[in-house]
Amino acid sequence: MNGVDKAANRAQETKSVAGTEKPETAEFQPSPGAAGESLDEILVNFVMPSIPEPAILRRSVPILQHFVTHMVPDLEGGEQLKTLARTLMEDEIERHRDLLGRMQRGIEI
């Protein structure tokens, strides 16, 4: 058998009982909005997305602080829930401040 015959036999063997072919290799399928972008660009955009409206971050910090100060103390569910909510919101506030600082220093986000 030559190489063509072997390839044809393998192709026939990969068919399932229902008659559909099994995929031989996994392929990267870019999303429709990613036309023309390389895999590296897609990964960078996923890890460090651009922020079209940075004012959202500026407004979110006071909102989160309001919740930590006024809403969390009134939560029902015990002290453990209050501590968890406070910690999560304070961490988010720090992330927003860090991101705003990086943006103000001109680091591309």
PDB file of N, CA and C in Angstrom:
ATOM      1  N   MET A   1       0.833  -1.186   0.000  1.00  0.00           N
ATOM      2  CA  MET A   1       0.000   0.000   0.000  1.00  0.00           C
ATOM      3  C   MET A   1       0.873   1.242   0.000  1.00  0.00           C
ATOM      4  N   ASN A   2       0.494   2.181  -0.808  1.00  0.00           N
ATOM      5  CA  ASN A   2       1.247   3.423  -0.787  1.00  0.00           C
ATOM      6  C   ASN A   2       0.614   4.383   0.231  1.00  0.00           C
ATOM      7  N   GLY A   3       1.164   5.575   0.377  1.00  0.00           N
ATOM      8  CA  GLY A   3       0.707   6.545   1.366  1.00  0.00           C
ATOM      9  C   GLY A   3      -0.724   6.992   1.166  1.00  0.00           C
ATOM     10  N   VAL A   4      -1.163   7.104  -0.091  1.00  0.00           N
ATOM     11  CA  VAL A   4      -2.528   7.549  -0.381  1.00  0.00           C
ATOM     12  C   VAL A   4      -3.530   6.504   0.087  1.00  0.00           C
ATOM     13  N   ASP A   5      -3.222   5.231  -0.179  1.00  0.00           N
ATOM     14  CA  ASP A   5      -4.122   4.153   0.246  1.00  0.00           C
ATOM     15  C   ASP A   5      -4.206   4.084   1.769  1.00  0.00           C
ATOM     16  N   LYS A   6      -3.076   4.249   2.446  1.00  0.00           N
ATOM     17  CA  LYS A   6      -3.078   4.218   3.908  1.00  0.00           C
ATOM     18  C   LYS A   6      -3.915   5.358   4.472  1.00  0.00           C
ATOM     19  N   ALA A   7      -3.779   6.548   3.885  1.00  0.00           N
ATOM     20  CA  ALA A   7      -4.555   7.694   4.344  1.00  0.00           C
ATOM     21  C   ALA A   7      -6.044   7.462   4.117  1.00  0.00           C
ATOM     22  N   ALA A   8      -6.402   6.871   2.991  1.00  0.00           N
ATOM     23  CA  ALA A   8      -7.809   6.595   2.693  1.00  0.00           C
ATOM     24  C   ALA A   8      -8.376   5.577   3.678  1.00  0.00           C
ATOM     25  N   ASN A   9      -7.590   4.560   4.001  1.00  0.00           N
ATOM     26  CA  ASN A   9      -8.031   3.558   4.975  1.00  0.00           C
ATOM     27  C   ASN A   9      -8.223   4.179   6.354  1.00  0.00           C
ATOM     28  N   ARG A  10      -7.316   5.044   6.760  1.00  0.00           N
ATOM     29  CA  ARG A  10      -7.448   5.716   8.065  1.00  0.00           C
ATOM     30  C   ARG A  10      -8.686   6.596   8.088  1.00  0.00           C
ATOM     31  N   ALA A  11      -8.976   7.270   6.981  1.00  0.00           N
ATOM     32  CA  ALA A  11     -10.151   8.131   6.913  1.00  0.00           C
ATOM     33  C   ALA A  11     -11.422   7.303   7.075  1.00  0.00           C
ATOM     34  N   GLN A  12     -11.451   6.136   6.483  1.00  0.00           N
ATOM     35  CA  GLN A  12     -12.622   5.271   6.608  1.00  0.00           C
ATOM     36  C   GLN A  12     -12.743   4.725   8.026  1.00  0.00           C
ATOM     37  N   GLU A  13     -11.616   4.442   8.676  1.00  0.00           N
ATOM     38  CA  GLU A  13     -11.630   3.912  10.030  1.00  0.00           C
ATOM     39  C   GLU A  13     -12.100   4.951  11.045  1.00  0.00           C
ATOM     40  N   THR A  14     -11.932   6.234  10.748  1.00  0.00           N
ATOM     41  CA  THR A  14     -12.309   7.274  11.703  1.00  0.00           C
ATOM     42  C   THR A  14     -13.792   7.562  11.700  1.00  0.00           C
ATOM     43  N   LYS A  15     -14.530   6.969  10.779  1.00  0.00           N
ATOM     44  CA  LYS A  15     -15.974   7.183  10.754  1.00  0.00           C
ATOM     45  C   LYS A  15     -16.614   6.383  11.879  1.00  0.00           C
ATOM     46  N   SER A  16     -17.540   7.015  12.576  1.00  0.00           N
ATOM     47  CA  SER A  16     -18.227   6.326  13.665  1.00  0.00           C
ATOM     48  C   SER A  16     -19.333   5.458  13.090  1.00  0.00           C
ATOM     49  N   VAL A  17     -20.004   4.754  13.979  1.00  0.00           N
ATOM     50  CA  VAL A  17     -21.085   3.869  13.570  1.00  0.00           C
ATOM     51  C   VAL A  17     -22.204   4.664  12.897  1.00  0.00           C
ATOM     52  N   ALA A  18     -22.440   5.886  13.352  1.00  0.00           N
ATOM     53  CA  ALA A  18     -23.510   6.708  12.781  1.00  0.00           C
ATOM     54  C   ALA A  18     -23.135   7.273  11.421  1.00  0.00           C
ATOM     55  N   GLY A  19     -21.881   7.164  11.041  1.00  0.00           N
ATOM     56  CA  GLY A  19     -21.471   7.627   9.730  1.00  0.00           C
ATOM     57  C   GLY A  19     -20.866   9.014   9.724  1.00  0.00           C
ATOM     58  N   THR A  20     -20.705   9.613  10.864  1.00  0.00           N
ATOM     59  CA  THR A  20     -20.066  10.922  10.907  1.00  0.00           C
ATOM     60  C   THR A  20     -18.592  10.738  11.208  1.00  0.00           C
ATOM     61  N   GLU A  21     -17.796  11.676  10.732  1.00  0.00           N
ATOM     62  CA  GLU A  21     -16.365  11.571  10.934  1.00  0.00           C
ATOM     63  C   GLU A  21     -15.958  12.109  12.295  1.00  0.00           C
ATOM     64  N   LYS A  22     -14.982  11.466  12.916  1.00  0.00           N
ATOM     65  CA  LYS A  22     -14.426  11.941  14.171  1.00  0.00           C
ATOM     66  C   LYS A  22     -13.350  12.980  13.861  1.00  0.00           C
ATOM     67  N   PRO A  23     -13.268  14.008  14.641  1.00  0.00           N
ATOM     68  CA  PRO A  23     -12.200  14.988  14.387  1.00  0.00           C
ATOM     69  C   PRO A  23     -10.850  14.372  14.711  1.00  0.00           C
ATOM     70  N   GLU A  24      -9.868  14.597  13.830  1.00  0.00           N
ATOM     71  CA  GLU A  24      -8.544  14.037  14.046  1.00  0.00           C
ATOM     72  C   GLU A  24      -7.666  14.962  14.868  1.00  0.00           C
ATOM     73  N   THR A  25      -7.877  16.270  14.735  1.00  0.00           N
ATOM     74  CA  THR A  25      -7.090  17.228  15.505  1.00  0.00           C
ATOM     75  C   THR A  25      -7.993  18.355  15.977  1.00  0.00           C
ATOM     76  N   ALA A  26      -7.596  18.963  17.084  1.00  0.00           N
ATOM     77  CA  ALA A  26      -8.324  20.136  17.569  1.00  0.00           C
ATOM     78  C   ALA A  26      -7.832  21.349  16.803  1.00  0.00           C
ATOM     79  N   GLU A  27      -8.738  22.211  16.423  1.00  0.00           N
ATOM     80  CA  GLU A  27      -8.364  23.397  15.682  1.00  0.00           C
ATOM     81  C   GLU A  27      -8.820  24.632  16.434  1.00  0.00           C
ATOM     82  N   PHE A  28      -8.032  25.693  16.346  1.00  0.00           N
ATOM     83  CA  PHE A  28      -8.397  26.974  16.938  1.00  0.00           C
ATOM     84  C   PHE A  28      -9.459  27.621  16.071  1.00  0.00           C
ATOM     85  N   GLN A  29     -10.586  27.963  16.662  1.00  0.00           N
ATOM     86  CA  GLN A  29     -11.675  28.608  15.948  1.00  0.00           C
ATOM     87  C   GLN A  29     -11.861  30.004  16.535  1.00  0.00           C
ATOM     88  N   PRO A  30     -11.387  31.053  15.854  1.00  0.00           N
ATOM     89  CA  PRO A  30     -11.554  32.407  16.387  1.00  0.00           C
ATOM     90  C   PRO A  30     -13.018  32.817  16.382  1.00  0.00           C
ATOM     91  N   SER A  31     -13.365  33.683  17.314  1.00  0.00           N
ATOM     92  CA  SER A  31     -14.736  34.184  17.367  1.00  0.00           C
ATOM     93  C   SER A  31     -14.982  35.090  16.169  1.00  0.00           C
ATOM     94  N   PRO A  32     -16.231  35.266  15.787  1.00  0.00           N
ATOM     95  CA  PRO A  32     -16.534  36.103  14.618  1.00  0.00           C
ATOM     96  C   PRO A  32     -16.020  37.534  14.764  1.00  0.00           C
ATOM     97  N   GLY A  33     -15.967  38.063  15.979  1.00  0.00           N
ATOM     98  CA  GLY A  33     -15.493  39.430  16.182  1.00  0.00           C
ATOM     99  C   GLY A  33     -13.981  39.558  16.149  1.00  0.00           C
ATOM    100  N   ALA A  34     -13.263  38.460  16.046  1.00  0.00           N
ATOM    101  CA  ALA A  34     -11.810  38.477  16.104  1.00  0.00           C
ATOM    102  C   ALA A  34     -11.176  38.363  14.719  1.00  0.00           C
ATOM    103  N   ALA A  35     -11.894  38.703  13.688  1.00  0.00           N
ATOM    104  CA  ALA A  35     -11.384  38.583  12.332  1.00  0.00           C
ATOM    105  C   ALA A  35     -10.141  39.437  12.156  1.00  0.00           C
ATOM    106  N   GLY A  36      -9.088  38.849  11.636  1.00  0.00           N
ATOM    107  CA  GLY A  36      -7.864  39.576  11.363  1.00  0.00           C
ATOM    108  C   GLY A  36      -6.912  39.672  12.544  1.00  0.00           C
ATOM    109  N   GLU A  37      -7.305  39.195  13.723  1.00  0.00           N
ATOM    110  CA  GLU A  37      -6.423  39.262  14.884  1.00  0.00           C
ATOM    111  C   GLU A  37      -5.643  37.958  15.019  1.00  0.00           C
ATOM    112  N   SER A  38      -4.400  38.082  15.462  1.00  0.00           N
ATOM    113  CA  SER A  38      -3.600  36.894  15.708  1.00  0.00           C
ATOM    114  C   SER A  38      -4.007  36.285  17.046  1.00  0.00           C
ATOM    115  N   LEU A  39      -3.590  35.071  17.287  1.00  0.00           N
ATOM    116  CA  LEU A  39      -3.881  34.411  18.557  1.00  0.00           C
ATOM    117  C   LEU A  39      -3.293  35.211  19.715  1.00  0.00           C
ATOM    118  N   ASP A  40      -2.095  35.773  19.536  1.00  0.00           N
ATOM    119  CA  ASP A  40      -1.477  36.590  20.578  1.00  0.00           C
ATOM    120  C   ASP A  40      -2.333  37.806  20.906  1.00  0.00           C
ATOM    121  N   GLU A  41      -2.863  38.468  19.875  1.00  0.00           N
ATOM    122  CA  GLU A  41      -3.709  39.645  20.098  1.00  0.00           C
ATOM    123  C   GLU A  41      -5.005  39.265  20.817  1.00  0.00           C
ATOM    124  N   ILE A  42      -5.568  38.140  20.460  1.00  0.00           N
ATOM    125  CA  ILE A  42      -6.787  37.677  21.111  1.00  0.00           C
ATOM    126  C   ILE A  42      -6.518  37.383  22.585  1.00  0.00           C
ATOM    127  N   LEU A  43      -5.400  36.745  22.884  1.00  0.00           N
ATOM    128  CA  LEU A  43      -5.048  36.449  24.278  1.00  0.00           C
ATOM    129  C   LEU A  43      -4.791  37.725  25.078  1.00  0.00           C
ATOM    130  N   VAL A  44      -4.096  38.687  24.485  1.00  0.00           N
ATOM    131  CA  VAL A  44      -3.832  39.955  25.164  1.00  0.00           C
ATOM    132  C   VAL A  44      -5.142  40.663  25.454  1.00  0.00           C
ATOM    133  N   ASN A  45      -6.057  40.692  24.504  1.00  0.00           N
ATOM    134  CA  ASN A  45      -7.354  41.327  24.721  1.00  0.00           C
ATOM    135  C   ASN A  45      -8.174  40.616  25.782  1.00  0.00           C
ATOM    136  N   PHE A  46      -7.987  39.315  25.921  1.00  0.00           N
ATOM    137  CA  PHE A  46      -8.709  38.565  26.948  1.00  0.00           C
ATOM    138  C   PHE A  46      -8.131  38.861  28.325  1.00  0.00           C
ATOM    139  N   VAL A  47      -6.808  38.867  28.425  1.00  0.00           N
ATOM    140  CA  VAL A  47      -6.145  39.074  29.712  1.00  0.00           C
ATOM    141  C   VAL A  47      -6.189  40.534  30.134  1.00  0.00           C
ATOM    142  N   MET A  48      -6.007  41.454  29.199  1.00  0.00           N
ATOM    143  CA  MET A  48      -5.998  42.884  29.503  1.00  0.00           C
ATOM    144  C   MET A  48      -6.972  43.607  28.577  1.00  0.00           C
ATOM    145  N   PRO A  49      -8.261  43.487  28.851  1.00  0.00           N
ATOM    146  CA  PRO A  49      -9.235  44.129  27.955  1.00  0.00           C
ATOM    147  C   PRO A  49      -9.133  45.645  28.021  1.00  0.00           C
ATOM    148  N   SER A  50      -9.456  46.287  26.923  1.00  0.00           N
ATOM    149  CA  SER A  50      -9.465  47.748  26.928  1.00  0.00           C
ATOM    150  C   SER A  50     -10.727  48.215  27.646  1.00  0.00           C
ATOM    151  N   ILE A  51     -10.621  49.346  28.287  1.00  0.00           N
ATOM    152  CA  ILE A  51     -11.749  49.899  29.022  1.00  0.00           C
ATOM    153  C   ILE A  51     -12.224  51.122  28.254  1.00  0.00           C
ATOM    154  N   PRO A  52     -13.352  51.015  27.567  1.00  0.00           N
ATOM    155  CA  PRO A  52     -13.801  52.125  26.728  1.00  0.00           C
ATOM    156  C   PRO A  52     -14.204  53.363  27.532  1.00  0.00           C
ATOM    157  N   GLU A  53     -14.665  53.176  28.764  1.00  0.00           N
ATOM    158  CA  GLU A  53     -15.120  54.302  29.576  1.00  0.00           C
ATOM    159  C   GLU A  53     -14.513  54.212  30.982  1.00  0.00           C
ATOM    160  N   PRO A  54     -13.308  54.785  31.191  1.00  0.00           N
ATOM    161  CA  PRO A  54     -12.657  54.689  32.500  1.00  0.00           C
ATOM    162  C   PRO A  54     -13.433  55.374  33.616  1.00  0.00           C
ATOM    163  N   ALA A  55     -14.353  56.265  33.286  1.00  0.00           N
ATOM    164  CA  ALA A  55     -15.151  56.938  34.318  1.00  0.00           C
ATOM    165  C   ALA A  55     -15.976  55.935  35.116  1.00  0.00           C
ATOM    166  N   ILE A  56     -16.272  54.800  34.522  1.00  0.00           N
ATOM    167  CA  ILE A  56     -17.011  53.754  35.232  1.00  0.00           C
ATOM    168  C   ILE A  56     -16.236  53.336  36.471  1.00  0.00           C
ATOM    169  N   LEU A  57     -14.925  53.193  36.331  1.00  0.00           N
ATOM    170  CA  LEU A  57     -14.106  52.798  37.479  1.00  0.00           C
ATOM    171  C   LEU A  57     -14.110  53.880  38.556  1.00  0.00           C
ATOM    172  N   ARG A  58     -14.037  55.130  38.140  1.00  0.00           N
ATOM    173  CA  ARG A  58     -14.044  56.226  39.119  1.00  0.00           C
ATOM    174  C   ARG A  58     -15.353  56.270  39.893  1.00  0.00           C
ATOM    175  N   ARG A  59     -16.451  56.002  39.219  1.00  0.00           N
ATOM    176  CA  ARG A  59     -17.760  56.028  39.890  1.00  0.00           C
ATOM    177  C   ARG A  59     -17.988  54.794  40.740  1.00  0.00           C
ATOM    178  N   SER A  60     -17.375  53.682  40.385  1.00  0.00           N
ATOM    179  CA  SER A  60     -17.632  52.441  41.112  1.00  0.00           C
ATOM    180  C   SER A  60     -17.013  52.441  42.505  1.00  0.00           C
ATOM    181  N   VAL A  61     -15.885  53.118  42.678  1.00  0.00           N
ATOM    182  CA  VAL A  61     -15.218  53.124  43.985  1.00  0.00           C
ATOM    183  C   VAL A  61     -16.113  53.743  45.062  1.00  0.00           C
ATOM    184  N   PRO A  62     -16.681  54.940  44.857  1.00  0.00           N
ATOM    185  CA  PRO A  62     -17.564  55.489  45.893  1.00  0.00           C
ATOM    186  C   PRO A  62     -18.816  54.629  46.128  1.00  0.00           C
ATOM    187  N   ILE A  63     -19.323  54.011  45.077  1.00  0.00           N
ATOM    188  CA  ILE A  63     -20.492  53.144  45.242  1.00  0.00           C
ATOM    189  C   ILE A  63     -20.144  51.957  46.129  1.00  0.00           C
ATOM    190  N   LEU A  64     -19.016  51.316  45.843  1.00  0.00           N
ATOM    191  CA  LEU A  64     -18.589  50.176  46.667  1.00  0.00           C
ATOM    192  C   LEU A  64     -18.310  50.606  48.106  1.00  0.00           C
ATOM    193  N   GLN A  65     -17.690  51.770  48.285  1.00  0.00           N
ATOM    194  CA  GLN A  65     -17.441  52.270  49.636  1.00  0.00           C
ATOM    195  C   GLN A  65     -18.752  52.511  50.385  1.00  0.00           C
ATOM    196  N   HIS A  66     -19.748  53.024  49.689  1.00  0.00           N
ATOM    197  CA  HIS A  66     -21.058  53.229  50.306  1.00  0.00           C
ATOM    198  C   HIS A  66     -21.624  51.896  50.796  1.00  0.00           C
ATOM    199  N   PHE A  67     -21.523  50.868  49.972  1.00  0.00           N
ATOM    200  CA  PHE A  67     -22.030  49.563  50.381  1.00  0.00           C
ATOM    201  C   PHE A  67     -21.277  49.020  51.584  1.00  0.00           C
ATOM    202  N   VAL A  68     -19.955  49.163  51.589  1.00  0.00           N
ATOM    203  CA  VAL A  68     -19.160  48.672  52.719  1.00  0.00           C
ATOM    204  C   VAL A  68     -19.553  49.403  54.001  1.00  0.00           C
ATOM    205  N   THR A  69     -19.746  50.707  53.902  1.00  0.00           N
ATOM    206  CA  THR A  69     -20.024  51.526  55.083  1.00  0.00           C
ATOM    207  C   THR A  69     -21.472  51.422  55.555  1.00  0.00           C
ATOM    208  N   HIS A  70     -22.421  51.444  54.617  1.00  0.00           N
ATOM    209  CA  HIS A  70     -23.827  51.553  55.002  1.00  0.00           C
ATOM    210  C   HIS A  70     -24.653  50.278  54.839  1.00  0.00           C
ATOM    211  N   MET A  71     -24.326  49.448  53.897  1.00  0.00           N
ATOM    212  CA  MET A  71     -25.168  48.288  53.618  1.00  0.00           C
ATOM    213  C   MET A  71     -24.679  47.007  54.297  1.00  0.00           C
ATOM    214  N   VAL A  72     -23.379  46.787  54.297  1.00  0.00           N
ATOM    215  CA  VAL A  72     -22.845  45.553  54.877  1.00  0.00           C
ATOM    216  C   VAL A  72     -23.174  45.425  56.361  1.00  0.00           C
ATOM    217  N   PRO A  73     -23.076  46.484  57.164  1.00  0.00           N
ATOM    218  CA  PRO A  73     -23.402  46.319  58.589  1.00  0.00           C
ATOM    219  C   PRO A  73     -24.846  45.856  58.838  1.00  0.00           C
ATOM    220  N   ASP A  74     -25.746  46.120  57.893  1.00  0.00           N
ATOM    221  CA  ASP A  74     -27.145  45.730  58.059  1.00  0.00           C
ATOM    222  C   ASP A  74     -27.480  44.373  57.446  1.00  0.00           C
ATOM    223  N   LEU A  75     -26.493  43.702  56.899  1.00  0.00           N
ATOM    224  CA  LEU A  75     -26.744  42.392  56.290  1.00  0.00           C
ATOM    225  C   LEU A  75     -27.201  41.386  57.341  1.00  0.00           C
ATOM    226  N   GLU A  76     -28.167  40.573  56.937  1.00  0.00           N
ATOM    227  CA  GLU A  76     -28.568  39.454  57.791  1.00  0.00           C
ATOM    228  C   GLU A  76     -27.738  38.249  57.360  1.00  0.00           C
ATOM    229  N   GLY A  77     -27.484  37.370  58.274  1.00  0.00           N
ATOM    230  CA  GLY A  77     -26.741  36.170  57.926  1.00  0.00           C
ATOM    231  C   GLY A  77     -25.510  35.949  58.787  1.00  0.00           C
ATOM    232  N   GLY A  78     -25.293  36.824  59.728  1.00  0.00           N
ATOM    233  CA  GLY A  78     -24.204  36.607  60.661  1.00  0.00           C
ATOM    234  C   GLY A  78     -22.947  37.384  60.334  1.00  0.00           C
ATOM    235  N   GLU A  79     -22.064  37.357  61.301  1.00  0.00           N
ATOM    236  CA  GLU A  79     -20.816  38.117  61.186  1.00  0.00           C
ATOM    237  C   GLU A  79     -19.899  37.572  60.094  1.00  0.00           C
ATOM    238  N   GLN A  80     -19.933  36.269  59.875  1.00  0.00           N
ATOM    239  CA  GLN A  80     -19.084  35.665  58.839  1.00  0.00           C
ATOM    240  C   GLN A  80     -19.470  36.199  57.451  1.00  0.00           C
ATOM    241  N   LEU A  81     -20.752  36.318  57.172  1.00  0.00           N
ATOM    242  CA  LEU A  81     -21.209  36.854  55.893  1.00  0.00           C
ATOM    243  C   LEU A  81     -20.802  38.318  55.752  1.00  0.00           C
ATOM    244  N   LYS A  82     -20.950  39.090  56.818  1.00  0.00           N
ATOM    245  CA  LYS A  82     -20.566  40.506  56.779  1.00  0.00           C
ATOM    246  C   LYS A  82     -19.071  40.658  56.509  1.00  0.00           C
ATOM    247  N   THR A  83     -18.276  39.830  57.162  1.00  0.00           N
ATOM    248  CA  THR A  83     -16.826  39.882  56.963  1.00  0.00           C
ATOM    249  C   THR A  83     -16.466  39.512  55.531  1.00  0.00           C
ATOM    250  N   LEU A  84     -17.094  38.494  55.002  1.00  0.00           N
ATOM    251  CA  LEU A  84     -16.838  38.078  53.625  1.00  0.00           C
ATOM    252  C   LEU A  84     -17.226  39.178  52.637  1.00  0.00           C
ATOM    253  N   ALA A  85     -18.404  39.756  52.806  1.00  0.00           N
ATOM    254  CA  ALA A  85     -18.862  40.816  51.905  1.00  0.00           C
ATOM    255  C   ALA A  85     -17.936  42.026  51.980  1.00  0.00           C
ATOM    256  N   ARG A  86     -17.552  42.409  53.189  1.00  0.00           N
ATOM    257  CA  ARG A  86     -16.662  43.555  53.374  1.00  0.00           C
ATOM    258  C   ARG A  86     -15.313  43.298  52.710  1.00  0.00           C
ATOM    259  N   THR A  87     -14.768  42.111  52.904  1.00  0.00           N
ATOM    260  CA  THR A  87     -13.468  41.763  52.329  1.00  0.00           C
ATOM    261  C   THR A  87     -13.512  41.764  50.806  1.00  0.00           C
ATOM    262  N   LEU A  88     -14.554  41.169  50.239  1.00  0.00           N
ATOM    263  CA  LEU A  88     -14.677  41.127  48.779  1.00  0.00           C
ATOM    264  C   LEU A  88     -14.784  42.527  48.194  1.00  0.00           C
ATOM    265  N   MET A  89     -15.601  43.364  48.808  1.00  0.00           N
ATOM    266  CA  MET A  89     -15.783  44.718  48.283  1.00  0.00           C
ATOM    267  C   MET A  89     -14.528  45.568  48.463  1.00  0.00           C
ATOM    268  N   GLU A  90     -13.845  45.415  49.587  1.00  0.00           N
ATOM    269  CA  GLU A  90     -12.604  46.169  49.785  1.00  0.00           C
ATOM    270  C   GLU A  90     -11.531  45.728  48.798  1.00  0.00           C
ATOM    271  N   ASP A  91     -11.469  44.428  48.516  1.00  0.00           N
ATOM    272  CA  ASP A  91     -10.520  43.942  47.503  1.00  0.00           C
ATOM    273  C   ASP A  91     -10.848  44.524  46.132  1.00  0.00           C
ATOM    274  N   GLU A  92     -12.130  44.582  45.805  1.00  0.00           N
ATOM    275  CA  GLU A  92     -12.549  45.143  44.516  1.00  0.00           C
ATOM    276  C   GLU A  92     -12.216  46.634  44.446  1.00  0.00           C
ATOM    277  N   ILE A  93     -12.405  47.345  45.535  1.00  0.00           N
ATOM    278  CA  ILE A  93     -12.043  48.770  45.581  1.00  0.00           C
ATOM    279  C   ILE A  93     -10.554  48.940  45.320  1.00  0.00           C
ATOM    280  N   GLU A  94      -9.729  48.116  45.925  1.00  0.00           N
ATOM    281  CA  GLU A  94      -8.278  48.195  45.714  1.00  0.00           C
ATOM    282  C   GLU A  94      -7.909  47.896  44.264  1.00  0.00           C
ATOM    283  N   ARG A  95      -8.572  46.900  43.660  1.00  0.00           N
ATOM    284  CA  ARG A  95      -8.308  46.591  42.247  1.00  0.00           C
ATOM    285  C   ARG A  95      -8.674  47.774  41.360  1.00  0.00           C
ATOM    286  N   HIS A  96      -9.796  48.400  41.646  1.00  0.00           N
ATOM    287  CA  HIS A  96     -10.220  49.554  40.841  1.00  0.00           C
ATOM    288  C   HIS A  96      -9.232  50.706  41.010  1.00  0.00           C
ATOM    289  N   ARG A  97      -8.790  50.949  42.233  1.00  0.00           N
ATOM    290  CA  ARG A  97      -7.825  52.031  42.465  1.00  0.00           C
ATOM    291  C   ARG A  97      -6.504  51.746  41.765  1.00  0.00           C
ATOM    292  N   ASP A  98      -6.068  50.503  41.845  1.00  0.00           N
ATOM    293  CA  ASP A  98      -4.819  50.121  41.183  1.00  0.00           C
ATOM    294  C   ASP A  98      -4.936  50.311  39.671  1.00  0.00           C
ATOM    295  N   LEU A  99      -6.036  49.876  39.119  1.00  0.00           N
ATOM    296  CA  LEU A  99      -6.266  50.010  37.687  1.00  0.00           C
ATOM    297  C   LEU A  99      -6.320  51.479  37.277  1.00  0.00           C
ATOM    298  N   LEU A 100      -7.011  52.304  38.059  1.00  0.00           N
ATOM    299  CA  LEU A 100      -7.068  53.742  37.766  1.00  0.00           C
ATOM    300  C   LEU A 100      -5.677  54.367  37.829  1.00  0.00           C
ATOM    301  N   GLY A 101      -4.883  53.985  38.824  1.00  0.00           N
ATOM    302  CA  GLY A 101      -3.531  54.488  38.943  1.00  0.00           C
ATOM    303  C   GLY A 101      -2.671  54.127  37.742  1.00  0.00           C
ATOM    304  N   ARG A 102      -2.790  52.863  37.310  1.00  0.00           N
ATOM    305  CA  ARG A 102      -2.032  52.410  36.130  1.00  0.00           C
ATOM    306  C   ARG A 102      -2.463  53.168  34.893  1.00  0.00           C
ATOM    307  N   MET A 103      -3.762  53.436  34.769  1.00  0.00           N
ATOM    308  CA  MET A 103      -4.260  54.167  33.607  1.00  0.00           C
ATOM    309  C   MET A 103      -3.755  55.612  33.618  1.00  0.00           C
ATOM    310  N   GLN A 104      -3.707  56.211  34.800  1.00  0.00           N
ATOM    311  CA  GLN A 104      -3.236  57.590  34.901  1.00  0.00           C
ATOM    312  C   GLN A 104      -1.746  57.700  34.611  1.00  0.00           C
ATOM    313  N   ARG A 105      -0.989  56.644  34.908  1.00  0.00           N
ATOM    314  CA  ARG A 105       0.441  56.637  34.612  1.00  0.00           C
ATOM    315  C   ARG A 105       0.697  56.291  33.143  1.00  0.00           C
ATOM    316  N   GLY A 106      -0.338  55.951  32.414  1.00  0.00           N
ATOM    317  CA  GLY A 106      -0.188  55.710  30.978  1.00  0.00           C
ATOM    318  C   GLY A 106       0.132  54.279  30.612  1.00  0.00           C
ATOM    319  N   ILE A 107      -0.028  53.348  31.540  1.00  0.00           N
ATOM    320  CA  ILE A 107       0.200  51.940  31.212  1.00  0.00           C
ATOM    321  C   ILE A 107      -1.023  51.461  30.462  1.00  0.00           C
ATOM    322  N   GLU A 108      -0.790  50.863  29.301  1.00  0.00           N
ATOM    323  CA  GLU A 108      -1.917  50.412  28.487  1.00  0.00           C
ATOM    324  C   GLU A 108      -2.615  49.271  29.178  1.00  0.00           C
ATOM    325  N   ILE A 109      -3.923  49.353  29.236  1.00  0.00           N
ATOM    326  CA  ILE A 109      -4.743  48.328  29.866  1.00  0.00           C
ATOM    327  C   ILE A 109      -5.454  47.546  28.778  1.00  0.00           C
TER     328      ILE A 109
END
